Every structure is written in C-alpha cells, then in structure tokens.
C-alpha cells in the first residue's frame, strides 16, 4: 500500500472524529486527496453510532472534545473492537503528553500531533492498515488450512487405512490396490495444487487477488472435482452421478479458484445428504454462460437458511449427516471466487427433495 497511490487507498474508509469543523474538513480534504474514503463525526457519541453501523478501517480520534472525550470514546471502541480489527490513531495538541500515554494504555494504536504533518499522518495510517491487512491474511490462511486442506487429508488417511488392511502379513493383496495407490497420488497432487494456488494468489499486498485467467473447459474441472470426491462419496454412502453437456465452449477462468468452488459445492452436497442418495453434477450452456449444477438428495433449505447462505460463518438449520463440522466458510468463499469471474452463484430447492446449487460463468469475459 502506497500513500501516493490513490487507487489502492480507495479500498479503505477512515472516520475522522473532531469537534472543530475546520479541523475535520481540512483532514478530510487531505486524506481524500490521498485516495481514502472519509467520513466525519463531530463528537464521541456520533462516532460510536457510526462505528456500530459502518465497518471502518481506521479511526482518527481527537482527544480533547466536549461531552464525551476522545479517551472515553476510545474506551467504548475497545469494548467491541481490538487494536487489529479497528486501528485508532489519537490526534492531540503538543502539550498533552500524559493524555497520549493514557490513550496508548487504553488501546490507541498510535498518535498524531496538531497541526498535522500530512506526510507523517499518511505514513502512520499506512502502517496501521498494513498491520490490519497482515492480520486478515493470517485469518485467511487459517481458513485455508482448516477448510481447503482438511478434507483431502481425511481422504488420504482413509486410503492409507485401506492400504494397511490390504498389506497386512498373511492377507491376499486386494484387487483394487493399484486403484487405491492411484487415488492417494491424485489426492496428494490436488493438495499440492491447492497449496500452490494459495501461495501464488495470497500476499500481504493483495487484499482481493485477481484471478489468473486462461482458457479452460468446465467439464474438465468438474471431472477433476468428482475424482477428488470419490473416496468421500464412498465413505458417505452417496452415489456420484454426472450429466455433462457435450461441446461446451471454453471459458476464461482461474482453474484453481473454479476447482475450489466445485469441490466445495460437491463436498457440501454429500455432507448434508443421507446414505443411499444420489448427488448429480451436470453442465450446460446457453448463448452467454456455461453452467454447473450440483443436485443433492438432502433435506433442502428453509426460507431462513436461504437468507443466510453465502455469508461467512453462517449457521444453518441442517446438520451434516456424518457428524462433520460445518463452518459456513466454503459457500462465502465460493461466492467471492465466482464474483471475481463476473459470474453468479445461487441455489434452489428441488421439487421433491434436496437442493440444487448452481454457478454460471460468462463465455465472453
């Protein structure tokens, strides 16, 4: 993040809190010139109301204000927001050294003195926002490790368990041993692709990584995702069926991201389906889009569940049929990736039972 790059700074929204109108307007003008989005509050009460309603990236808070002081406002902010989730930089006069010390003890991230040196102010804002982005990257890595790598590891451990049974001294080698070895190899290769994709797209300077487009066939991605989920399907007792349209046009897409989406949707379909049901994956196309539909045999979704879908950490009324964990991360991540492709994602309940999740990607990007 460069203080001289207004386009990059435009992703951040700052809140300036100062009881002096001239100070507020001057700071707003200076930070807007640097590309930041800026909102204003003239006292602590107004600031707390806005912070509760709007997800700000950073607050510039005057210490000396009538009514509720900056220090009291800071105390209230820290009851709801950590130093990382909402950085607060105090703004003070030169002769308020003790107030600065108190502010730092109460959870201020930094401070600036009046009159502002704009270059110093921009540099300190940059530092705090960079720390916030690094924390977000850490959270994204935890999500990645717990969600994207957990299932392949479970699959590999199941295969190893089967291999142990086949290789026990005195037992006959199973006929499907080569198939098991091939499956564990493909699962390992899939994990390597997931890790490589994460390392290639996630960086402290890329809050929303752009897809790496290339010409791909949706059917090829579906086939790979079905293969990656074969072992999970056997464990769940769910039949996997594919109905792939012939001669689908190629699309410009990020193969890694699209594979993650399909893997999530296919895995979720089986996760919430009872044994002896069928999960069907089909592809089709019209003049403008190619589509993938994942139709499961589960209980379907309530109207309340429909409202929560595709939001992070959403807790739905349905529970996994095999006692698996469900964080709600996969669907929100899938929505983000599909939107990066200028596509759409949605769901509908089937006429008899179950639900169908669908995605569409434009043929011409």
Protein backbone atom coordinates (compact mmCIF):
# COMPACT_ATOMS: atom_id res chain seq x y z
CA UNK A 1 0.00 0.00 0.00
CA UNK A 2 1.49 3.29 -1.15
CA UNK A 3 0.38 6.62 0.29
CA UNK A 4 0.90 8.11 -3.16
CA UNK A 5 -1.41 5.56 -4.79
CA UNK A 6 -4.98 6.93 -4.51
CA UNK A 7 -6.43 3.99 -6.43
CA UNK A 8 -5.07 1.48 -3.91
CA UNK A 9 -6.04 3.63 -0.92
CA UNK A 10 -9.62 3.84 -2.20
CA UNK A 11 -10.43 0.43 -0.71
CA UNK A 12 -10.14 1.89 2.81
CA UNK A 13 -12.64 4.04 4.73
CA UNK A 14 -11.45 6.36 7.50
CA UNK A 15 -13.51 8.03 10.23
CA UNK A 16 -12.34 11.46 11.39
CA UNK A 17 -13.65 12.49 14.82
CA UNK A 18 -13.08 16.14 15.82
CA UNK A 19 -15.35 18.75 17.39
CA UNK A 20 -13.72 21.53 15.36
CA UNK A 21 -15.36 21.80 11.95
CA UNK A 22 -12.33 23.42 10.29
CA UNK A 23 -10.06 20.62 11.53
CA UNK A 24 -12.50 17.98 10.29
CA UNK A 25 -12.84 19.50 6.84
CA UNK A 26 -9.10 20.06 6.43
CA UNK A 27 -8.20 16.49 7.38
CA UNK A 28 -10.98 15.14 5.17
CA UNK A 29 -9.64 17.10 2.19
CA UNK A 30 -6.06 15.94 2.77
CA UNK A 31 -6.95 12.25 3.13
CA UNK A 32 -9.37 12.31 0.21
CA UNK A 33 -6.56 13.67 -1.96
CA UNK A 34 -4.57 10.57 -0.97
CA UNK A 35 -7.45 8.43 -2.23
CA UNK A 36 -9.08 7.37 1.03
CA UNK A 37 -12.81 7.27 1.59
CA UNK A 38 -13.57 9.59 4.52
CA UNK A 39 -16.50 10.03 6.89
CA UNK A 40 -16.81 12.61 9.67
CA UNK A 41 -18.11 12.73 13.24
CA UNK A 42 -18.23 15.88 15.35
CA UNK A 43 -18.25 14.18 18.77
CA UNK A 44 -17.72 10.87 20.50
CA UNK A 45 -21.38 9.89 20.63
CA UNK A 46 -21.77 10.38 16.89
CA UNK A 47 -18.55 8.45 16.27
CA UNK A 48 -19.74 5.44 18.29
CA UNK A 49 -23.04 5.38 16.42
CA UNK A 50 -21.27 5.40 13.06
CA UNK A 51 -18.75 2.76 14.12
CA UNK A 52 -21.61 0.49 15.14
CA UNK A 53 -23.29 0.92 11.75
CA UNK A 54 -20.34 1.07 9.33
CA UNK A 55 -17.23 -1.15 9.02
CA UNK A 56 -14.46 1.47 9.15
CA UNK A 57 -10.84 0.54 8.50
CA UNK A 58 -9.29 3.17 10.79
CA UNK A 59 -10.35 5.99 13.14
CA UNK A 60 -8.58 9.33 13.66
CA UNK A 61 -9.82 10.45 17.08
CA UNK A 62 -9.32 13.85 18.71
CA UNK A 63 -8.50 13.61 22.42
CA UNK A 64 -10.00 16.90 23.63
CA UNK A 65 -13.74 17.03 22.88
CA UNK A 66 -16.72 18.27 24.90
CA UNK A 67 -19.34 15.84 26.18
CA UNK A 68 -17.54 12.53 25.84
CA UNK A 69 -13.79 12.91 25.45
CA UNK A 70 -11.61 11.09 22.99
CA UNK A 71 -10.24 8.88 25.77
CA UNK A 72 -13.76 7.88 26.87
CA UNK A 73 -14.70 7.25 23.24
CA UNK A 74 -11.61 5.07 22.85
CA UNK A 75 -12.59 3.01 25.89
CA UNK A 76 -16.00 2.33 24.34
CA UNK A 77 -14.47 1.40 20.98
CA UNK A 78 -12.14 -1.12 22.61
CA UNK A 79 -15.08 -2.89 24.25
CA UNK A 80 -16.14 -4.04 20.77
CA UNK A 81 -13.05 -3.81 18.56
CA UNK A 82 -9.46 -4.96 19.01
CA UNK A 83 -6.36 -2.97 18.08
CA UNK A 84 -6.13 -5.04 14.90
CA UNK A 85 -9.77 -5.09 13.84
CA UNK A 86 -10.16 -1.30 14.15
CA UNK A 87 -6.96 0.77 14.49
CA UNK A 88 -7.39 4.10 16.31
CA UNK A 89 -4.90 6.95 15.92
CA UNK A 90 -5.31 9.71 18.50
CA UNK A 91 -4.95 13.34 17.40
CA UNK A 92 -3.74 15.75 20.07
CA UNK A 93 -2.07 19.08 20.83
CA UNK A 94 1.67 19.12 21.65
CA UNK A 95 1.19 19.77 25.37
CA UNK A 96 -0.95 16.70 26.15
CA UNK A 97 1.80 14.16 26.80
CA UNK A 98 0.02 12.47 29.71
CA UNK A 99 -3.15 12.13 27.65
CA UNK A 100 -1.16 10.39 24.92
CA UNK A 101 0.28 7.95 27.46
CA UNK A 102 -3.21 7.25 28.81
CA UNK A 103 -4.56 6.77 25.30
CA UNK A 104 -1.87 4.23 24.45
CA UNK A 105 -2.61 2.38 27.69
CA UNK A 106 -6.31 2.33 26.79
CA UNK A 107 -5.61 0.76 23.39
CA UNK A 108 -4.73 3.51 20.94
CA UNK A 109 -2.54 2.23 18.09
CA UNK A 110 -0.63 5.49 17.54
CA UNK A 111 -0.96 9.26 17.83
CA UNK A 112 -0.51 12.42 15.77
CA UNK A 113 0.03 15.99 16.94
CA UNK A 114 -1.65 19.14 15.69
CA UNK A 115 -1.10 20.78 13.30
CA UNK A 116 -0.82 17.60 11.26
CA UNK A 117 2.22 16.87 9.17
CA UNK A 118 0.29 15.21 6.34
CA UNK A 119 3.19 13.01 5.17
CA UNK A 120 3.73 11.71 8.71
CA UNK A 121 -0.02 11.15 9.10
CA UNK A 122 -0.26 9.24 5.81
CA UNK A 123 2.75 7.10 6.72
CA UNK A 124 1.29 6.17 10.12
CA UNK A 125 -2.09 5.38 8.59
CA UNK A 126 -0.34 3.21 6.02
CA UNK A 127 1.46 1.28 8.78
CA UNK A 128 -1.71 0.55 10.74
CA UNK A 129 -3.66 -0.52 7.66
CA UNK A 130 -0.78 -2.78 6.59
CA UNK A 131 -0.84 -4.48 10.01
CA UNK A 132 -4.58 -4.94 9.69
CA UNK A 133 -4.16 -6.49 6.23
CA UNK A 134 -1.50 -8.87 7.56
CA UNK A 135 -3.87 -9.99 10.30
CA UNK A 136 -6.56 -10.57 7.68
CA UNK A 137 -4.08 -12.63 5.66
CA UNK A 138 -3.33 -14.72 8.75
CA UNK A 139 -7.05 -15.34 9.23
CA UNK A 140 -7.35 -16.29 5.56
CA UNK A 141 -4.51 -18.77 5.92
CA UNK A 142 -6.16 -20.36 8.97
CA UNK A 143 -9.37 -20.64 6.95
CA UNK A 144 -7.46 -22.12 4.04
CA UNK A 145 -5.66 -24.68 6.20
CA UNK A 146 -8.78 -25.74 8.10
CA UNK A 147 -11.15 -25.83 5.14
CA UNK A 148 -9.28 -26.49 1.90
CA UNK A 149 -6.72 -28.97 3.27
CA UNK A 150 -8.81 -30.78 5.88
CA UNK A 151 -10.91 -32.89 3.52
CA UNK A 152 -8.03 -34.09 1.29
CA UNK A 153 -6.11 -35.10 4.42
CA UNK A 154 -9.12 -37.08 5.66
CA UNK A 155 -9.38 -38.78 2.27
CA UNK A 156 -5.69 -39.66 2.31
CA UNK A 157 -5.90 -41.10 5.82
CA UNK A 158 -8.89 -43.24 4.78
CA UNK A 159 -6.92 -44.56 1.81
CA UNK A 160 -3.88 -45.31 3.99
CA UNK A 161 -6.15 -47.19 6.38
CA UNK A 162 -7.42 -49.33 3.49
CA UNK A 163 -3.86 -49.89 2.30
CA UNK A 164 -2.83 -51.11 5.75
CA UNK A 165 -5.60 -53.71 5.66
CA UNK A 166 -4.50 -54.85 2.20
CA UNK A 167 -0.84 -55.13 3.19
CA UNK A 168 -1.29 -56.99 6.49
CA UNK A 169 1.02 -60.06 6.53
CA UNK A 170 -0.83 -63.23 5.61
CA UNK A 171 -3.62 -61.48 3.70
CA UNK A 172 -4.17 -61.52 -0.04
CA UNK A 173 -3.41 -58.28 -1.81
CA UNK A 174 -6.69 -56.66 -2.80
CA UNK A 175 -7.50 -56.37 -6.49
CA UNK A 176 -8.18 -52.66 -6.13
CA UNK A 177 -4.72 -51.90 -4.65
CA UNK A 178 -3.49 -50.11 -7.79
CA UNK A 179 -6.69 -48.03 -7.76
CA UNK A 180 -6.09 -47.03 -4.12
CA UNK A 181 -2.49 -46.06 -4.85
CA UNK A 182 -3.63 -44.02 -7.84
CA UNK A 183 -6.30 -42.30 -5.73
CA UNK A 184 -3.89 -41.32 -2.95
CA UNK A 185 -1.49 -39.99 -5.60
CA UNK A 186 -4.23 -37.86 -7.19
CA UNK A 187 -5.34 -36.61 -3.79
CA UNK A 188 -1.78 -35.59 -2.95
CA UNK A 189 -1.46 -33.83 -6.31
CA UNK A 190 -4.72 -31.99 -5.61
CA UNK A 191 -3.36 -30.81 -2.25
CA UNK A 192 -0.20 -29.60 -3.98
CA UNK A 193 -2.33 -27.60 -6.43
CA UNK A 194 -4.36 -26.08 -3.60
CA UNK A 195 -1.23 -25.05 -1.69
CA UNK A 196 0.46 -23.69 -4.82
CA UNK A 197 -2.67 -21.77 -5.72
CA UNK A 198 -2.88 -20.22 -2.29
CA UNK A 199 0.78 -19.21 -2.27
CA UNK A 200 0.51 -17.74 -5.77
CA UNK A 201 -2.56 -15.62 -5.06
CA UNK A 202 -2.39 -14.64 -1.40
CA UNK A 203 0.06 -11.94 -0.41
CA UNK A 204 0.14 -9.11 2.13
CA UNK A 205 -0.33 -6.61 -0.70
CA UNK A 206 -3.26 -8.37 -2.38
CA UNK A 207 -6.40 -7.94 -0.29
CA UNK A 208 -8.56 -9.30 -3.14
CA UNK A 209 -6.37 -11.32 -5.53
CA UNK A 210 -7.33 -11.17 -9.19
CA UNK A 211 -8.00 -14.48 -10.94
CA UNK A 212 -5.29 -15.86 -13.21
CA UNK A 213 -7.32 -16.39 -16.36
CA UNK A 214 -6.69 -18.99 -19.01
CA UNK A 215 -8.87 -20.91 -21.46
CA UNK A 216 -10.38 -23.97 -19.76
CA UNK A 217 -13.24 -26.42 -20.27
CA UNK A 218 -15.72 -26.57 -17.42
CA UNK A 219 -16.22 -30.31 -17.94
CA UNK A 220 -12.52 -30.91 -17.25
CA UNK A 221 -12.76 -29.07 -13.92
CA UNK A 222 -15.93 -30.99 -12.99
CA UNK A 223 -14.25 -34.32 -13.78
CA UNK A 224 -11.29 -33.47 -11.54
CA UNK A 225 -13.57 -32.41 -8.68
CA UNK A 226 -15.61 -35.59 -8.99
CA UNK A 227 -12.43 -37.68 -8.85
CA UNK A 228 -11.25 -35.76 -5.78
CA UNK A 229 -14.56 -36.54 -4.04
CA UNK A 230 -14.82 -40.24 -4.95
CA UNK A 231 -13.41 -41.51 -1.65
CA UNK A 232 -15.62 -39.13 0.37
CA UNK A 233 -18.67 -40.34 -1.57
CA UNK A 234 -17.87 -43.97 -0.74
CA UNK A 235 -17.43 -43.11 2.92
CA UNK A 236 -20.75 -41.25 2.99
CA UNK A 237 -22.60 -43.96 1.06
CA UNK A 238 -23.66 -41.38 -1.54
CA UNK A 239 -23.73 -42.09 -5.27
CA UNK A 240 -21.99 -39.56 -7.53
CA UNK A 241 -23.55 -39.11 -10.96
CA UNK A 242 -22.50 -36.78 -13.77
CA UNK A 243 -24.50 -35.41 -16.68
CA UNK A 244 -22.06 -33.32 -18.71
CA UNK A 245 -23.14 -31.48 -21.83
CA UNK A 246 -21.14 -32.14 -24.98
CA UNK A 247 -19.25 -29.41 -26.83
CA UNK A 248 -19.30 -26.81 -24.04
CA UNK A 249 -17.48 -23.64 -25.14
CA UNK A 250 -14.21 -22.82 -23.41
CA UNK A 251 -14.25 -20.04 -20.81
CA UNK A 252 -11.65 -17.67 -19.39
CA UNK A 253 -11.26 -18.73 -15.76
CA UNK A 254 -8.85 -19.28 -12.92
CA UNK A 255 -8.60 -23.07 -12.78
CA UNK A 256 -7.51 -23.13 -9.13
CA UNK A 257 -10.36 -20.90 -7.93
CA UNK A 258 -13.01 -22.64 -10.00
CA UNK A 259 -11.81 -26.04 -8.77
CA UNK A 260 -12.16 -24.83 -5.19
CA UNK A 261 -15.73 -23.73 -5.84
CA UNK A 262 -16.79 -27.01 -7.43
CA UNK A 263 -15.01 -29.04 -4.78
CA UNK A 264 -16.82 -27.08 -2.06
CA UNK A 265 -20.24 -27.44 -3.70
CA UNK A 266 -19.86 -31.15 -4.45
CA UNK A 267 -18.46 -31.85 -0.98
CA UNK A 268 -21.26 -29.87 0.70
CA UNK A 269 -23.91 -31.72 -1.31
CA UNK A 270 -22.68 -35.04 0.04
CA UNK A 271 -22.02 -33.68 3.53
CA UNK A 272 -25.71 -32.95 4.08
CA UNK A 273 -27.12 -35.97 2.21
CA UNK A 274 -28.29 -39.24 3.80
CA UNK A 275 -26.83 -42.57 2.73
CA UNK A 276 -28.15 -44.23 -0.42
CA UNK A 277 -28.97 -40.90 -2.06
CA UNK A 278 -27.53 -39.50 -5.28
CA UNK A 279 -25.62 -36.30 -5.88
CA UNK A 280 -25.79 -35.32 -9.55
CA UNK A 281 -23.41 -32.87 -11.20
CA UNK A 282 -24.45 -31.54 -14.58
CA UNK A 283 -23.14 -28.93 -17.00
CA UNK A 284 -24.95 -26.95 -19.69
CA UNK A 285 -24.64 -23.72 -21.64
CA UNK A 286 -26.63 -21.01 -23.37
CA UNK A 287 -25.54 -18.14 -25.60
CA UNK A 288 -23.89 -16.19 -22.77
CA UNK A 289 -22.94 -18.55 -19.94
CA UNK A 290 -21.76 -22.03 -19.07
CA UNK A 291 -23.42 -23.57 -16.03
CA UNK A 292 -22.65 -26.21 -13.44
CA UNK A 293 -25.42 -27.58 -11.23
CA UNK A 294 -24.94 -29.76 -8.17
CA UNK A 295 -28.17 -31.50 -7.17
CA UNK A 296 -28.22 -33.33 -3.82
CA UNK A 297 -30.60 -35.71 -2.07
CA UNK A 298 -30.65 -33.91 1.27
CA UNK A 299 -33.50 -32.21 3.13
CA UNK A 300 -33.42 -28.96 1.17
CA UNK A 301 -33.23 -25.46 2.65
CA UNK A 302 -35.66 -23.41 4.70
CA UNK A 303 -36.51 -19.81 3.82
CA UNK A 304 -34.43 -18.67 6.80
CA UNK A 305 -31.45 -20.71 5.60
CA UNK A 306 -31.77 -19.18 2.14
CA UNK A 307 -31.28 -15.71 3.65
CA UNK A 308 -28.06 -16.77 5.41
CA UNK A 309 -26.41 -18.62 2.53
CA UNK A 310 -23.11 -17.36 1.13
CA UNK A 311 -22.32 -15.35 4.27
CA UNK A 312 -19.23 -16.25 6.28
CA UNK A 313 -19.77 -18.41 9.39
CA UNK A 314 -23.48 -18.81 8.62
CA UNK A 315 -25.13 -21.43 10.84
CA UNK A 316 -27.89 -23.29 9.00
CA UNK A 317 -30.63 -25.47 10.45
CA UNK A 318 -29.44 -28.59 8.58
CA UNK A 319 -26.59 -30.54 10.12
CA UNK A 320 -24.06 -32.79 8.33
CA UNK A 321 -25.31 -36.38 8.20
CA UNK A 322 -21.94 -37.85 9.19
CA UNK A 323 -21.20 -35.60 12.14
CA UNK A 324 -18.75 -33.47 10.13
CA UNK A 325 -18.00 -29.90 11.13
CA UNK A 326 -19.58 -27.05 9.20
CA UNK A 327 -18.14 -23.54 9.47
CA UNK A 328 -20.07 -21.78 6.69
CA UNK A 329 -16.79 -20.62 5.17
CA UNK A 330 -16.94 -22.64 1.94
CA UNK A 331 -20.06 -21.04 0.47
CA UNK A 332 -18.99 -17.48 1.24
CA UNK A 333 -15.59 -18.19 -0.31
CA UNK A 334 -17.27 -19.73 -3.37
CA UNK A 335 -19.42 -16.64 -3.83
CA UNK A 336 -16.34 -14.42 -3.68
CA UNK A 337 -14.49 -16.51 -6.29
CA UNK A 338 -17.45 -16.66 -8.68
CA UNK A 339 -17.94 -12.89 -8.44
CA UNK A 340 -14.26 -12.42 -9.30
CA UNK A 341 -15.11 -14.23 -12.54
CA UNK A 342 -18.06 -11.86 -13.16
CA UNK A 343 -20.32 -14.87 -12.71
CA UNK A 344 -23.21 -15.78 -10.44
CA UNK A 345 -23.94 -18.41 -7.82
CA UNK A 346 -27.29 -19.46 -6.40
CA UNK A 347 -29.47 -22.25 -5.04
CA UNK A 348 -32.99 -23.58 -5.40
CA UNK A 349 -34.91 -26.34 -3.68
CA UNK A 350 -35.79 -29.33 -5.83
CA UNK A 351 -39.48 -30.18 -6.41
CA UNK A 352 -39.33 -33.44 -4.42
CA UNK A 353 -36.33 -33.27 -2.08
CA UNK A 354 -32.88 -31.81 -1.82
CA UNK A 355 -31.39 -28.64 -3.23
CA UNK A 356 -29.52 -27.62 -6.36
CA UNK A 357 -26.60 -25.22 -6.10
CA UNK A 358 -25.59 -23.64 -9.40
CA UNK A 359 -22.89 -21.41 -10.82
CA UNK A 360 -22.61 -19.65 -14.15
CA UNK A 361 -19.53 -18.15 -15.78
CA UNK A 362 -19.72 -15.81 -18.79
CA UNK A 363 -18.42 -17.26 -22.03
CA UNK A 364 -17.07 -13.91 -23.18
CA UNK A 365 -15.30 -12.14 -20.32
